[in-house]
Amino acid sequence: MEEYINITLDNIDQEHICCAISDKKHSEGVFNKKEWLKKRITEGHVFRKLNVQGKVFVEYAPLEKAWVPIEGTGFLYIYCLWVSGKFKGHGYGKQLLEYVINDAKKKGKQGVCVISSKKKKSYLADKKFFLKYGFEVVDQIEDYELLSLSFNHQKPSFCKNVKQMMIDSNHITIYYSPQCPFTLNCIYEIKEYMKDCNIQIDFIKVDTLEKAKNIPCIFNNWAVFKNGKYVSHILLNKKGFEKLLND
């Protein structure tokens, strides 16, 4: 029988957090993520993983404490549900999602929600998978959708500031948080690339719940603006940043 582990303050320093298991270039990002997690665990944040050397996990939190621009009372918000490689096709995604749903019911929550999209996008929930479990679209902005499974007809929604998808700056601007262990290395790669470029770029660290709730766009841990307009939630390495400049 599969063994699952919930990350706790007692085991977090010994357990890997799935996303970046063995890649040394992400070691600082993993450290920052764990330090971030230590504070969030006391707020009800849950990181549950299969006890294997692989990416099989779900990460979620009470919506009121989730670092996303979504509002609502009594919901759990899923940051990430990830099953990769050889672990696909064994029902682990189903088991992890059912754990979240059952946890929400045990805690007397109104339901569960997650950010998805009309067409499948990297780093976002697979809409088709969640629809199978009764989730429905309750709000949307452009191609992005908020999916919710409500136990009593209550609905969460994107905060009003999300609708802007614009900022008052023509600089390339990247909002990021320590919630994802990959963001830090992306920033290092972009800064390295910029050494030979005469380009102004602003990095804005989202390091408080208040900032995350008031960000002017869709946000799950990374958001990019170009010429004042929101362009993507996709993490950028050197090649990705170069493509962004040339588009």
C-alpha atoms as a PDB file:
ATOM      1  CA  MET A   1       0.000   0.000   0.000  1.00  0.00           C
ATOM      2  CA  GLU A   2       1.253   3.487  -0.909  1.00  0.00           C
ATOM      3  CA  GLU A   3       2.664   5.567   1.921  1.00  0.00           C
ATOM      4  CA  TYR A   4       1.963   9.287   1.979  1.00  0.00           C
ATOM      5  CA  ILE A   5       3.740  11.861   4.128  1.00  0.00           C
ATOM      6  CA  ASN A   6       2.532  15.264   5.255  1.00  0.00           C
ATOM      7  CA  ILE A   7       5.335  17.780   5.718  1.00  0.00           C
ATOM      8  CA  THR A   8       5.423  19.041   9.305  1.00  0.00           C
ATOM      9  CA  LEU A   9       7.668  21.269  11.371  1.00  0.00           C
ATOM     10  CA  ASP A  10       9.199  18.082  12.786  1.00  0.00           C
ATOM     11  CA  ASN A  11      10.175  16.491   9.449  1.00  0.00           C
ATOM     12  CA  ILE A  12      10.544  19.384   6.996  1.00  0.00           C
ATOM     13  CA  ASP A  13      14.329  19.604   7.299  1.00  0.00           C
ATOM     14  CA  GLN A  14      14.737  15.902   6.483  1.00  0.00           C
ATOM     15  CA  GLU A  15      12.105  15.451   3.770  1.00  0.00           C
ATOM     16  CA  HIS A  16      12.421  16.571   0.151  1.00  0.00           C
ATOM     17  CA  ILE A  17       9.635  18.747  -1.252  1.00  0.00           C
ATOM     18  CA  CYS A  18       9.308  16.960  -4.590  1.00  0.00           C
ATOM     19  CA  CYS A  19       9.600  19.836  -7.080  1.00  0.00           C
ATOM     20  CA  ALA A  20      13.405  20.100  -7.130  1.00  0.00           C
ATOM     21  CA  ILE A  21      14.725  16.878  -5.662  1.00  0.00           C
ATOM     22  CA  SER A  22      18.302  16.546  -6.915  1.00  0.00           C
ATOM     23  CA  ASP A  23      19.104  19.595  -9.058  1.00  0.00           C
ATOM     24  CA  LYS A  24      21.740  21.541  -7.113  1.00  0.00           C
ATOM     25  CA  LYS A  25      21.034  24.789  -8.966  1.00  0.00           C
ATOM     26  CA  HIS A  26      17.722  24.967  -7.111  1.00  0.00           C
ATOM     27  CA  SER A  27      19.159  24.277  -3.650  1.00  0.00           C
ATOM     28  CA  GLU A  28      18.828  27.902  -2.517  1.00  0.00           C
ATOM     29  CA  GLY A  29      15.281  28.030  -3.847  1.00  0.00           C
ATOM     30  CA  VAL A  30      14.435  24.839  -1.944  1.00  0.00           C
ATOM     31  CA  PHE A  31      15.857  26.333   1.254  1.00  0.00           C
ATOM     32  CA  ASN A  32      13.775  29.486   0.783  1.00  0.00           C
ATOM     33  CA  LYS A  33      10.688  27.420   0.037  1.00  0.00           C
ATOM     34  CA  LYS A  34      11.142  25.403   3.225  1.00  0.00           C
ATOM     35  CA  GLU A  35      11.600  28.562   5.287  1.00  0.00           C
ATOM     36  CA  TRP A  36       8.408  29.930   3.712  1.00  0.00           C
ATOM     37  CA  LEU A  37       6.614  26.648   4.414  1.00  0.00           C
ATOM     38  CA  LYS A  38       7.608  26.641   8.077  1.00  0.00           C
ATOM     39  CA  LYS A  39       5.626  29.841   8.553  1.00  0.00           C
ATOM     40  CA  ARG A  40       2.686  28.679   6.449  1.00  0.00           C
ATOM     41  CA  ILE A  41       2.284  25.288   8.177  1.00  0.00           C
ATOM     42  CA  THR A  42       1.204  27.098  11.336  1.00  0.00           C
ATOM     43  CA  GLU A  43      -1.533  28.765   9.236  1.00  0.00           C
ATOM     44  CA  GLY A  44      -2.981  25.449   8.054  1.00  0.00           C
ATOM     45  CA  HIS A  45      -0.898  24.997   4.879  1.00  0.00           C
ATOM     46  CA  VAL A  46      -0.619  21.325   3.854  1.00  0.00           C
ATOM     47  CA  PHE A  47       2.090  19.702   1.735  1.00  0.00           C
ATOM     48  CA  ARG A  48       1.306  16.023   1.181  1.00  0.00           C
ATOM     49  CA  LYS A  49       3.475  13.724  -0.920  1.00  0.00           C
ATOM     50  CA  LEU A  50       3.924  10.100  -1.874  1.00  0.00           C
ATOM     51  CA  ASN A  51       6.935   8.629  -0.069  1.00  0.00           C
ATOM     52  CA  VAL A  52       9.036   8.142  -3.207  1.00  0.00           C
ATOM     53  CA  GLN A  53      11.882   9.913  -4.999  1.00  0.00           C
ATOM     54  CA  GLY A  54       9.586  11.626  -7.439  1.00  0.00           C
ATOM     55  CA  LYS A  55       7.121  14.422  -8.055  1.00  0.00           C
ATOM     56  CA  VAL A  56       3.866  13.150  -6.572  1.00  0.00           C
ATOM     57  CA  PHE A  57       2.317  15.722  -4.262  1.00  0.00           C
ATOM     58  CA  VAL A  58      -0.410  18.212  -3.516  1.00  0.00           C
ATOM     59  CA  GLU A  59      -0.027  21.560  -1.794  1.00  0.00           C
ATOM     60  CA  TYR A  60      -2.953  23.554  -0.451  1.00  0.00           C
ATOM     61  CA  ALA A  61      -3.998  26.077   2.185  1.00  0.00           C
ATOM     62  CA  PRO A  62      -7.027  27.852   3.658  1.00  0.00           C
ATOM     63  CA  LEU A  63      -8.056  30.388   1.014  1.00  0.00           C
ATOM     64  CA  GLU A  64      -7.943  33.243   3.524  1.00  0.00           C
ATOM     65  CA  LYS A  65      -4.213  32.522   4.027  1.00  0.00           C
ATOM     66  CA  ALA A  66      -3.371  31.473   0.458  1.00  0.00           C
ATOM     67  CA  TRP A  67      -0.951  33.747  -1.408  1.00  0.00           C
ATOM     68  CA  VAL A  68      -3.216  34.216  -4.411  1.00  0.00           C
ATOM     69  CA  PRO A  69      -5.575  37.069  -5.428  1.00  0.00           C
ATOM     70  CA  ILE A  70      -8.715  35.063  -4.714  1.00  0.00           C
ATOM     71  CA  GLU A  71     -11.300  35.892  -2.091  1.00  0.00           C
ATOM     72  CA  GLY A  72     -13.859  33.777  -0.307  1.00  0.00           C
ATOM     73  CA  THR A  73     -14.582  32.351   3.106  1.00  0.00           C
ATOM     74  CA  GLY A  74     -14.124  28.767   4.210  1.00  0.00           C
ATOM     75  CA  PHE A  75     -12.459  27.281   1.120  1.00  0.00           C
ATOM     76  CA  LEU A  76      -9.230  25.359   0.668  1.00  0.00           C
ATOM     77  CA  TYR A  77      -7.062  26.566  -2.225  1.00  0.00           C
ATOM     78  CA  ILE A  78      -4.873  24.109  -4.163  1.00  0.00           C
ATOM     79  CA  TYR A  79      -1.565  25.670  -5.216  1.00  0.00           C
ATOM     80  CA  CYS A  80      -0.290  22.608  -7.023  1.00  0.00           C
ATOM     81  CA  LEU A  81      -1.225  18.985  -7.649  1.00  0.00           C
ATOM     82  CA  TRP A  82       1.600  17.284  -9.522  1.00  0.00           C
ATOM     83  CA  VAL A  83       2.122  13.686 -10.621  1.00  0.00           C
ATOM     84  CA  SER A  84       4.966  13.226 -13.081  1.00  0.00           C
ATOM     85  CA  GLY A  85       6.851  10.657 -15.135  1.00  0.00           C
ATOM     86  CA  LYS A  86       6.547   6.977 -14.296  1.00  0.00           C
ATOM     87  CA  PHE A  87       4.085   7.764 -11.492  1.00  0.00           C
ATOM     88  CA  LYS A  88       1.339   8.819 -13.905  1.00  0.00           C
ATOM     89  CA  GLY A  89      -1.533   6.436 -14.529  1.00  0.00           C
ATOM     90  CA  HIS A  90      -1.555   4.842 -11.075  1.00  0.00           C
ATOM     91  CA  GLY A  91      -4.360   6.848  -9.517  1.00  0.00           C
ATOM     92  CA  TYR A  92      -2.128   9.048  -7.362  1.00  0.00           C
ATOM     93  CA  GLY A  93      -3.699  12.267  -8.623  1.00  0.00           C
ATOM     94  CA  LYS A  94      -7.136  10.906  -7.711  1.00  0.00           C
ATOM     95  CA  GLN A  95      -5.938   9.884  -4.243  1.00  0.00           C
ATOM     96  CA  LEU A  96      -4.353  13.266  -3.566  1.00  0.00           C
ATOM     97  CA  LEU A  97      -7.377  15.252  -4.722  1.00  0.00           C
ATOM     98  CA  GLU A  98      -9.756  13.067  -2.726  1.00  0.00           C
ATOM     99  CA  TYR A  99      -7.556  13.677   0.332  1.00  0.00           C
ATOM    100  CA  VAL A 100      -7.960  17.447  -0.110  1.00  0.00           C
ATOM    101  CA  ILE A 101     -11.731  17.171  -0.576  1.00  0.00           C
ATOM    102  CA  ASN A 102     -12.118  14.937   2.469  1.00  0.00           C
ATOM    103  CA  ASP A 103      -9.863  17.221   4.510  1.00  0.00           C
ATOM    104  CA  ALA A 104     -12.053  20.183   3.560  1.00  0.00           C
ATOM    105  CA  LYS A 105     -15.162  18.324   4.725  1.00  0.00           C
ATOM    106  CA  LYS A 106     -13.538  17.236   7.989  1.00  0.00           C
ATOM    107  CA  LYS A 107     -12.567  20.832   8.710  1.00  0.00           C
ATOM    108  CA  GLY A 108     -16.070  22.111   7.979  1.00  0.00           C
ATOM    109  CA  LYS A 109     -14.987  24.081   4.903  1.00  0.00           C
ATOM    110  CA  GLN A 110     -17.294  25.432   2.204  1.00  0.00           C
ATOM    111  CA  GLY A 111     -15.352  23.706  -0.561  1.00  0.00           C
ATOM    112  CA  VAL A 112     -12.119  23.580  -2.579  1.00  0.00           C
ATOM    113  CA  CYS A 113     -10.853  25.847  -5.362  1.00  0.00           C
ATOM    114  CA  VAL A 114      -7.968  26.035  -7.843  1.00  0.00           C
ATOM    115  CA  ILE A 115      -6.778  28.185 -10.767  1.00  0.00           C
ATOM    116  CA  SER A 116      -7.027  26.583 -14.201  1.00  0.00           C
ATOM    117  CA  SER A 117      -7.503  27.730 -17.793  1.00  0.00           C
ATOM    118  CA  LYS A 118      -9.782  27.264 -20.797  1.00  0.00           C
ATOM    119  CA  LYS A 119      -7.023  25.407 -22.623  1.00  0.00           C
ATOM    120  CA  LYS A 120      -4.360  23.466 -20.736  1.00  0.00           C
ATOM    121  CA  LYS A 121      -1.452  25.664 -19.624  1.00  0.00           C
ATOM    122  CA  SER A 122       1.827  24.674 -17.979  1.00  0.00           C
ATOM    123  CA  TYR A 123       1.997  25.095 -14.193  1.00  0.00           C
ATOM    124  CA  LEU A 124      -1.805  25.254 -13.865  1.00  0.00           C
ATOM    125  CA  ALA A 125      -4.401  22.683 -12.901  1.00  0.00           C
ATOM    126  CA  ASP A 126      -5.748  20.388 -15.617  1.00  0.00           C
ATOM    127  CA  LYS A 127      -9.339  21.572 -16.013  1.00  0.00           C
ATOM    128  CA  LYS A 128     -10.646  18.255 -17.358  1.00  0.00           C
ATOM    129  CA  PHE A 129      -9.298  16.353 -14.364  1.00  0.00           C
ATOM    130  CA  PHE A 130     -10.998  18.639 -11.846  1.00  0.00           C
ATOM    131  CA  LEU A 131     -14.311  18.743 -13.719  1.00  0.00           C
ATOM    132  CA  LYS A 132     -14.562  14.969 -13.243  1.00  0.00           C
ATOM    133  CA  TYR A 133     -14.801  15.558  -9.494  1.00  0.00           C
ATOM    134  CA  GLY A 134     -17.591  18.105  -9.661  1.00  0.00           C
ATOM    135  CA  PHE A 135     -15.560  21.305  -9.902  1.00  0.00           C
ATOM    136  CA  GLU A 136     -17.114  24.093 -11.964  1.00  0.00           C
ATOM    137  CA  VAL A 137     -15.985  27.414 -13.383  1.00  0.00           C
ATOM    138  CA  VAL A 138     -17.042  30.164 -10.972  1.00  0.00           C
ATOM    139  CA  ASP A 139     -14.972  33.102 -12.243  1.00  0.00           C
ATOM    140  CA  GLN A 140     -12.659  33.929 -15.130  1.00  0.00           C
ATOM    141  CA  ILE A 141     -10.342  36.572 -16.530  1.00  0.00           C
ATOM    142  CA  GLU A 142      -9.101  36.200 -20.112  1.00  0.00           C
ATOM    143  CA  ASP A 143      -8.055  32.542 -20.568  1.00  0.00           C
ATOM    144  CA  TYR A 144      -7.749  31.892 -16.846  1.00  0.00           C
ATOM    145  CA  GLU A 145     -10.523  30.273 -14.842  1.00  0.00           C
ATOM    146  CA  LEU A 146     -11.250  29.765 -11.168  1.00  0.00           C
ATOM    147  CA  LEU A 147     -12.619  26.289 -10.539  1.00  0.00           C
ATOM    148  CA  SER A 148     -14.539  25.467  -7.388  1.00  0.00           C
ATOM    149  CA  LEU A 149     -16.108  22.453  -5.747  1.00  0.00           C
ATOM    150  CA  SER A 150     -18.676  23.899  -3.371  1.00  0.00           C
ATOM    151  CA  PHE A 151     -20.405  21.905  -0.653  1.00  0.00           C
ATOM    152  CA  ASN A 152     -23.185  24.461  -0.095  1.00  0.00           C
ATOM    153  CA  HIS A 153     -23.404  26.702  -3.205  1.00  0.00           C
ATOM    154  CA  GLN A 154     -20.974  29.328  -1.895  1.00  0.00           C
ATOM    155  CA  LYS A 155     -18.463  30.560  -4.487  1.00  0.00           C
ATOM    156  CA  PRO A 156     -14.987  32.104  -4.250  1.00  0.00           C
ATOM    157  CA  SER A 157     -13.937  34.734  -6.807  1.00  0.00           C
ATOM    158  CA  PHE A 158     -10.916  36.543  -8.171  1.00  0.00           C
ATOM    159  CA  CYS A 159     -10.186  39.753  -6.287  1.00  0.00           C
ATOM    160  CA  LYS A 160     -11.201  42.917  -8.144  1.00  0.00           C
ATOM    161  CA  ASN A 161      -7.573  43.959  -8.634  1.00  0.00           C
ATOM    162  CA  VAL A 162      -6.953  40.838 -10.761  1.00  0.00           C
ATOM    163  CA  LYS A 163      -9.168  42.242 -13.499  1.00  0.00           C
ATOM    164  CA  GLN A 164      -6.606  44.976 -14.240  1.00  0.00           C
ATOM    165  CA  MET A 165      -3.964  42.761 -15.866  1.00  0.00           C
ATOM    166  CA  MET A 166      -2.089  46.063 -16.368  1.00  0.00           C
ATOM    167  CA  ILE A 167       0.525  48.107 -14.499  1.00  0.00           C
ATOM    168  CA  ASP A 168       1.745  51.703 -14.853  1.00  0.00           C
ATOM    169  CA  SER A 169       5.192  50.799 -16.137  1.00  0.00           C
ATOM    170  CA  ASN A 170       6.702  49.994 -19.521  1.00  0.00           C
ATOM    171  CA  HIS A 171       9.566  48.087 -17.923  1.00  0.00           C
ATOM    172  CA  ILE A 172       9.472  44.323 -18.072  1.00  0.00           C
ATOM    173  CA  THR A 173       8.186  43.509 -14.607  1.00  0.00           C
ATOM    174  CA  ILE A 174       8.197  40.148 -12.858  1.00  0.00           C
ATOM    175  CA  TYR A 175       6.264  39.437  -9.673  1.00  0.00           C
ATOM    176  CA  TYR A 176       7.460  36.343  -7.821  1.00  0.00           C
ATOM    177  CA  SER A 177       7.189  34.645  -4.447  1.00  0.00           C
ATOM    178  CA  PRO A 178       9.346  32.143  -2.519  1.00  0.00           C
ATOM    179  CA  GLN A 179       6.443  29.687  -2.648  1.00  0.00           C
ATOM    180  CA  CYS A 180       8.021  27.993  -5.687  1.00  0.00           C
ATOM    181  CA  PRO A 181      11.614  26.685  -5.381  1.00  0.00           C
ATOM    182  CA  PHE A 182      12.246  27.343  -9.102  1.00  0.00           C
ATOM    183  CA  THR A 183      11.677  31.106  -9.116  1.00  0.00           C
ATOM    184  CA  LEU A 184      15.014  32.098  -7.589  1.00  0.00           C
ATOM    185  CA  ASN A 185      17.136  30.354 -10.229  1.00  0.00           C
ATOM    186  CA  CYS A 186      14.960  31.841 -12.967  1.00  0.00           C
ATOM    187  CA  ILE A 187      15.760  35.300 -11.617  1.00  0.00           C
ATOM    188  CA  TYR A 188      19.482  34.491 -11.507  1.00  0.00           C
ATOM    189  CA  GLU A 189      19.406  33.302 -15.142  1.00  0.00           C
ATOM    190  CA  ILE A 190      17.527  36.401 -16.304  1.00  0.00           C
ATOM    191  CA  LYS A 191      19.920  38.719 -14.467  1.00  0.00           C
ATOM    192  CA  GLU A 192      22.888  36.901 -16.016  1.00  0.00           C
ATOM    193  CA  TYR A 193      21.384  37.331 -19.477  1.00  0.00           C
ATOM    194  CA  MET A 194      20.721  41.014 -18.810  1.00  0.00           C
ATOM    195  CA  LYS A 195      24.400  41.802 -18.182  1.00  0.00           C
ATOM    196  CA  ASP A 196      24.828  42.253 -21.939  1.00  0.00           C
ATOM    197  CA  CYS A 197      21.485  43.973 -22.498  1.00  0.00           C
ATOM    198  CA  ASN A 198      20.493  47.569 -22.003  1.00  0.00           C
ATOM    199  CA  ILE A 199      17.062  46.706 -20.650  1.00  0.00           C
ATOM    200  CA  GLN A 200      15.253  47.860 -17.548  1.00  0.00           C
ATOM    201  CA  ILE A 201      13.577  45.041 -15.671  1.00  0.00           C
ATOM    202  CA  ASP A 202      11.862  45.211 -12.315  1.00  0.00           C
ATOM    203  CA  PHE A 203      11.636  42.233  -9.976  1.00  0.00           C
ATOM    204  CA  ILE A 204       8.904  42.582  -7.378  1.00  0.00           C
ATOM    205  CA  LYS A 205       9.046  40.079  -4.543  1.00  0.00           C
ATOM    206  CA  VAL A 206       5.631  39.101  -3.226  1.00  0.00           C
ATOM    207  CA  ASP A 207       6.626  38.407   0.354  1.00  0.00           C
ATOM    208  CA  THR A 208       3.421  39.017   2.305  1.00  0.00           C
ATOM    209  CA  LEU A 209      -0.131  37.759   2.151  1.00  0.00           C
ATOM    210  CA  GLU A 210      -1.357  41.310   1.616  1.00  0.00           C
ATOM    211  CA  LYS A 211       0.819  41.785  -1.458  1.00  0.00           C
ATOM    212  CA  ALA A 212      -0.342  38.467  -2.903  1.00  0.00           C
ATOM    213  CA  LYS A 213      -4.021  39.324  -2.425  1.00  0.00           C
ATOM    214  CA  ASN A 214      -3.575  42.741  -4.048  1.00  0.00           C
ATOM    215  CA  ILE A 215      -1.458  41.831  -7.067  1.00  0.00           C
ATOM    216  CA  PRO A 216      -2.926  43.262 -10.327  1.00  0.00           C
ATOM    217  CA  CYS A 217      -3.131  39.983 -12.249  1.00  0.00           C
ATOM    218  CA  ILE A 218      -3.484  36.215 -12.108  1.00  0.00           C
ATOM    219  CA  PHE A 219      -0.814  34.941  -9.722  1.00  0.00           C
ATOM    220  CA  ASN A 220       0.156  31.551  -8.338  1.00  0.00           C
ATOM    221  CA  ASN A 221       3.839  32.396  -7.644  1.00  0.00           C
ATOM    222  CA  TRP A 222       5.072  34.137 -10.853  1.00  0.00           C
ATOM    223  CA  ALA A 223       3.672  36.802 -13.200  1.00  0.00           C
ATOM    224  CA  VAL A 224       5.264  38.720 -16.081  1.00  0.00           C
ATOM    225  CA  PHE A 225       4.353  42.123 -17.536  1.00  0.00           C
ATOM    226  CA  LYS A 226       5.680  43.679 -20.747  1.00  0.00           C
ATOM    227  CA  ASN A 227       4.876  47.231 -21.859  1.00  0.00           C
ATOM    228  CA  GLY A 228       2.456  47.493 -18.967  1.00  0.00           C
ATOM    229  CA  LYS A 229       0.437  44.430 -19.999  1.00  0.00           C
ATOM    230  CA  TYR A 230       0.307  41.041 -18.320  1.00  0.00           C
ATOM    231  CA  VAL A 231       1.782  38.428 -20.643  1.00  0.00           C
ATOM    232  CA  SER A 232       2.358  35.176 -18.760  1.00  0.00           C
ATOM    233  CA  HIS A 233       2.476  33.108 -15.590  1.00  0.00           C
ATOM    234  CA  ILE A 234       5.171  30.820 -17.066  1.00  0.00           C
ATOM    235  CA  LEU A 235       8.566  30.681 -15.326  1.00  0.00           C
ATOM    236  CA  LEU A 236      11.363  32.050 -17.514  1.00  0.00           C
ATOM    237  CA  ASN A 237      14.939  30.829 -17.933  1.00  0.00           C
ATOM    238  CA  LYS A 238      17.471  32.555 -20.234  1.00  0.00           C
ATOM    239  CA  LYS A 239      15.930  31.147 -23.417  1.00  0.00           C
ATOM    240  CA  GLY A 240      12.417  31.933 -22.292  1.00  0.00           C
ATOM    241  CA  PHE A 241      13.373  35.503 -21.410  1.00  0.00           C
ATOM    242  CA  GLU A 242      15.092  36.011 -24.771  1.00  0.00           C
ATOM    243  CA  LYS A 243      11.951  34.808 -26.537  1.00  0.00           C
ATOM    244  CA  LEU A 244       9.870  37.233 -24.457  1.00  0.00           C
ATOM    245  CA  LEU A 245      12.079  40.127 -25.594  1.00  0.00           C
ATOM    246  CA  ASN A 246      11.739  39.168 -29.253  1.00  0.00           C
ATOM    247  CA  ASP A 247       7.995  38.550 -29.286  1.00  0.00           C
END
